[in-house]
Amino acid sequence: MAAEVKNFSAPDEVRPFQGHGEAKAVALSGHTVLEGTFEPGWRWSEDVKPIAGTDSCQAAHFGYVLSGSMTIHMDDGQDLDITAGDVFSIPPGHDAEVSGADPCVMVDFGEIGAYAKSA
């Protein structure tokens, strides 16, 4: 395995949401890392569900919020608020929405190789 360095300013792929933002993807050593920009008004069930084709998000997320905030709605009824500076682990089975008037920007190291990826 060789050392690798990549930058989100030159991503391997850009995955636009149905509206309200995009995810920049870089692949390193067989892993995908995303920098997501979720604009105000973004909601998974409206902006990614049409791409994913599942009732709720089935990706496992593990990341860090750079700016803004988001509310996660777990399928079991639990709600979580994440904001700038938070490190998070979110299992599959959730919806999510940007909370507040600012974009939510985060880096996700989870199991997100196919997240928001159109066929």
C-alpha atoms as a PDB file:
ATOM      1  CA  MET A   1       0.000   0.000   0.000  1.00  0.00           C
ATOM      2  CA  ALA A   2       1.420   3.385  -1.006  1.00  0.00           C
ATOM      3  CA  ALA A   3       0.977   6.680   0.809  1.00  0.00           C
ATOM      4  CA  GLU A   4      -1.656   8.933  -0.793  1.00  0.00           C
ATOM      5  CA  VAL A   5      -2.758  12.538  -0.442  1.00  0.00           C
ATOM      6  CA  LYS A   6      -5.818  14.062  -2.101  1.00  0.00           C
ATOM      7  CA  ASN A   7      -7.670  17.341  -1.716  1.00  0.00           C
ATOM      8  CA  PHE A   8     -11.378  18.156  -1.938  1.00  0.00           C
ATOM      9  CA  SER A   9     -10.494  21.075  -4.236  1.00  0.00           C
ATOM     10  CA  ALA A  10      -9.796  18.411  -6.894  1.00  0.00           C
ATOM     11  CA  PRO A  11     -12.188  15.557  -5.961  1.00  0.00           C
ATOM     12  CA  ASP A  12     -12.351  12.248  -7.795  1.00  0.00           C
ATOM     13  CA  GLU A  13     -16.107  12.729  -8.131  1.00  0.00           C
ATOM     14  CA  VAL A  14     -18.816  15.273  -7.330  1.00  0.00           C
ATOM     15  CA  ARG A  15     -22.223  13.872  -6.377  1.00  0.00           C
ATOM     16  CA  PRO A  16     -24.948  16.511  -6.654  1.00  0.00           C
ATOM     17  CA  PHE A  17     -28.032  16.086  -4.493  1.00  0.00           C
ATOM     18  CA  GLN A  18     -31.486  16.481  -6.071  1.00  0.00           C
ATOM     19  CA  GLY A  19     -31.209  20.044  -4.739  1.00  0.00           C
ATOM     20  CA  HIS A  20     -29.555  21.894  -1.881  1.00  0.00           C
ATOM     21  CA  GLY A  21     -25.907  20.865  -2.161  1.00  0.00           C
ATOM     22  CA  GLU A  22     -23.412  18.217  -3.154  1.00  0.00           C
ATOM     23  CA  ALA A  23     -20.844  15.735  -1.896  1.00  0.00           C
ATOM     24  CA  LYS A  24     -17.249  15.760  -3.099  1.00  0.00           C
ATOM     25  CA  ALA A  25     -15.665  12.297  -3.017  1.00  0.00           C
ATOM     26  CA  VAL A  26     -12.035  11.230  -2.848  1.00  0.00           C
ATOM     27  CA  ALA A  27     -10.891   7.605  -2.869  1.00  0.00           C
ATOM     28  CA  LEU A  28      -7.813   6.627  -0.857  1.00  0.00           C
ATOM     29  CA  SER A  29      -6.510   3.096  -0.285  1.00  0.00           C
ATOM     30  CA  GLY A  30      -9.875   1.577  -1.146  1.00  0.00           C
ATOM     31  CA  HIS A  31     -11.887   3.944   1.097  1.00  0.00           C
ATOM     32  CA  THR A  32     -14.151   6.804   0.076  1.00  0.00           C
ATOM     33  CA  VAL A  33     -14.189  10.052   2.046  1.00  0.00           C
ATOM     34  CA  LEU A  34     -16.863  12.688   1.401  1.00  0.00           C
ATOM     35  CA  GLU A  35     -16.995  16.405   2.026  1.00  0.00           C
ATOM     36  CA  GLY A  36     -20.697  17.201   2.038  1.00  0.00           C
ATOM     37  CA  THR A  37     -22.161  20.667   1.662  1.00  0.00           C
ATOM     38  CA  PHE A  38     -25.804  20.557   2.724  1.00  0.00           C
ATOM     39  CA  GLU A  39     -27.550  23.842   1.966  1.00  0.00           C
ATOM     40  CA  PRO A  40     -30.435  25.291   4.006  1.00  0.00           C
ATOM     41  CA  GLY A  41     -33.595  23.414   3.085  1.00  0.00           C
ATOM     42  CA  TRP A  42     -31.701  20.135   2.490  1.00  0.00           C
ATOM     43  CA  ARG A  43     -33.454  17.032   3.795  1.00  0.00           C
ATOM     44  CA  TRP A  44     -32.315  13.478   3.065  1.00  0.00           C
ATOM     45  CA  SER A  45     -35.869  12.282   2.302  1.00  0.00           C
ATOM     46  CA  GLU A  46     -36.227  14.974  -0.387  1.00  0.00           C
ATOM     47  CA  ASP A  47     -32.689  15.424  -1.744  1.00  0.00           C
ATOM     48  CA  VAL A  48     -31.064  11.975  -1.514  1.00  0.00           C
ATOM     49  CA  LYS A  49     -33.926   9.464  -1.168  1.00  0.00           C
ATOM     50  CA  PRO A  50     -34.738   9.742  -4.917  1.00  0.00           C
ATOM     51  CA  ILE A  51     -31.090   8.794  -5.627  1.00  0.00           C
ATOM     52  CA  ALA A  52     -30.827   6.065  -2.958  1.00  0.00           C
ATOM     53  CA  GLY A  53     -34.235   4.484  -3.549  1.00  0.00           C
ATOM     54  CA  THR A  54     -34.604   3.439   0.112  1.00  0.00           C
ATOM     55  CA  ASP A  55     -37.153   4.553   2.715  1.00  0.00           C
ATOM     56  CA  SER A  56     -34.438   5.922   5.010  1.00  0.00           C
ATOM     57  CA  CYS A  57     -30.686   6.433   4.724  1.00  0.00           C
ATOM     58  CA  GLN A  58     -28.923   3.078   4.937  1.00  0.00           C
ATOM     59  CA  ALA A  59     -25.379   4.480   5.071  1.00  0.00           C
ATOM     60  CA  ALA A  60     -23.290   4.374   8.251  1.00  0.00           C
ATOM     61  CA  HIS A  61     -21.738   7.793   8.823  1.00  0.00           C
ATOM     62  CA  PHE A  62     -18.636   8.601  10.876  1.00  0.00           C
ATOM     63  CA  GLY A  63     -17.386  12.132  10.605  1.00  0.00           C
ATOM     64  CA  TYR A  64     -16.775  15.686  11.704  1.00  0.00           C
ATOM     65  CA  VAL A  65     -18.932  18.809  11.265  1.00  0.00           C
ATOM     66  CA  LEU A  66     -16.904  21.748   9.959  1.00  0.00           C
ATOM     67  CA  SER A  67     -19.710  24.330   9.994  1.00  0.00           C
ATOM     68  CA  GLY A  68     -23.456  24.671  10.320  1.00  0.00           C
ATOM     69  CA  SER A  69     -25.822  22.191  11.948  1.00  0.00           C
ATOM     70  CA  MET A  70     -28.055  19.251  11.132  1.00  0.00           C
ATOM     71  CA  THR A  71     -30.773  17.275  12.907  1.00  0.00           C
ATOM     72  CA  ILE A  72     -30.740  13.496  12.492  1.00  0.00           C
ATOM     73  CA  HIS A  73     -34.052  11.630  12.835  1.00  0.00           C
ATOM     74  CA  MET A  74     -33.408   7.955  13.599  1.00  0.00           C
ATOM     75  CA  ASP A  75     -35.975   5.381  12.459  1.00  0.00           C
ATOM     76  CA  ASP A  76     -36.406   4.367  16.143  1.00  0.00           C
ATOM     77  CA  GLY A  77     -37.617   7.896  17.021  1.00  0.00           C
ATOM     78  CA  GLN A  78     -34.376   9.280  18.490  1.00  0.00           C
ATOM     79  CA  ASP A  79     -33.349  12.748  17.291  1.00  0.00           C
ATOM     80  CA  LEU A  80     -29.746  14.009  17.384  1.00  0.00           C
ATOM     81  CA  ASP A  81     -28.472  17.516  16.764  1.00  0.00           C
ATOM     82  CA  ILE A  82     -24.962  17.867  15.372  1.00  0.00           C
ATOM     83  CA  THR A  83     -23.167  21.169  14.932  1.00  0.00           C
ATOM     84  CA  ALA A  84     -19.754  22.647  14.089  1.00  0.00           C
ATOM     85  CA  GLY A  85     -17.012  20.893  16.045  1.00  0.00           C
ATOM     86  CA  ASP A  86     -18.999  17.704  16.680  1.00  0.00           C
ATOM     87  CA  VAL A  87     -17.639  14.265  15.819  1.00  0.00           C
ATOM     88  CA  PHE A  88     -20.457  11.835  15.008  1.00  0.00           C
ATOM     89  CA  SER A  89     -21.298   8.197  14.420  1.00  0.00           C
ATOM     90  CA  ILE A  90     -24.700   7.568  12.864  1.00  0.00           C
ATOM     91  CA  PRO A  91     -25.859   4.025  12.061  1.00  0.00           C
ATOM     92  CA  PRO A  92     -28.070   3.143   9.077  1.00  0.00           C
ATOM     93  CA  GLY A  93     -31.787   3.902   9.394  1.00  0.00           C
ATOM     94  CA  HIS A  94     -32.315   7.651   9.560  1.00  0.00           C
ATOM     95  CA  ASP A  95     -33.505  10.821   7.862  1.00  0.00           C
ATOM     96  CA  ALA A  96     -31.721  14.148   8.350  1.00  0.00           C
ATOM     97  CA  GLU A  97     -32.217  17.839   7.687  1.00  0.00           C
ATOM     98  CA  VAL A  98     -30.191  21.026   7.847  1.00  0.00           C
ATOM     99  CA  SER A  99     -31.184  23.085  10.854  1.00  0.00           C
ATOM    100  CA  GLY A 100     -30.544  26.788  10.694  1.00  0.00           C
ATOM    101  CA  ALA A 101     -29.899  29.331   7.976  1.00  0.00           C
ATOM    102  CA  ASP A 102     -26.297  28.314   7.195  1.00  0.00           C
ATOM    103  CA  PRO A 103     -25.040  25.403   5.106  1.00  0.00           C
ATOM    104  CA  CYS A 104     -23.873  22.361   7.043  1.00  0.00           C
ATOM    105  CA  VAL A 105     -20.440  21.220   5.860  1.00  0.00           C
ATOM    106  CA  MET A 106     -18.991  17.943   7.107  1.00  0.00           C
ATOM    107  CA  VAL A 107     -16.360  15.340   6.330  1.00  0.00           C
ATOM    108  CA  ASP A 108     -17.613  11.732   6.392  1.00  0.00           C
ATOM    109  CA  PHE A 109     -15.255   8.749   6.740  1.00  0.00           C
ATOM    110  CA  GLY A 110     -18.069   6.198   7.172  1.00  0.00           C
ATOM    111  CA  GLU A 111     -19.363   3.463   4.928  1.00  0.00           C
ATOM    112  CA  ILE A 112     -20.392   5.943   2.261  1.00  0.00           C
ATOM    113  CA  GLY A 113     -18.857   4.635  -0.962  1.00  0.00           C
ATOM    114  CA  ALA A 114     -22.253   4.635  -2.690  1.00  0.00           C
ATOM    115  CA  TYR A 115     -23.827   7.579  -0.770  1.00  0.00           C
ATOM    116  CA  ALA A 116     -25.799   9.879  -3.121  1.00  0.00           C
ATOM    117  CA  LYS A 117     -24.204   8.139  -6.091  1.00  0.00           C
ATOM    118  CA  SER A 118     -26.435   8.040  -9.149  1.00  0.00           C
ATOM    119  CA  ALA A 119     -26.453   4.780 -11.073  1.00  0.00           C
END
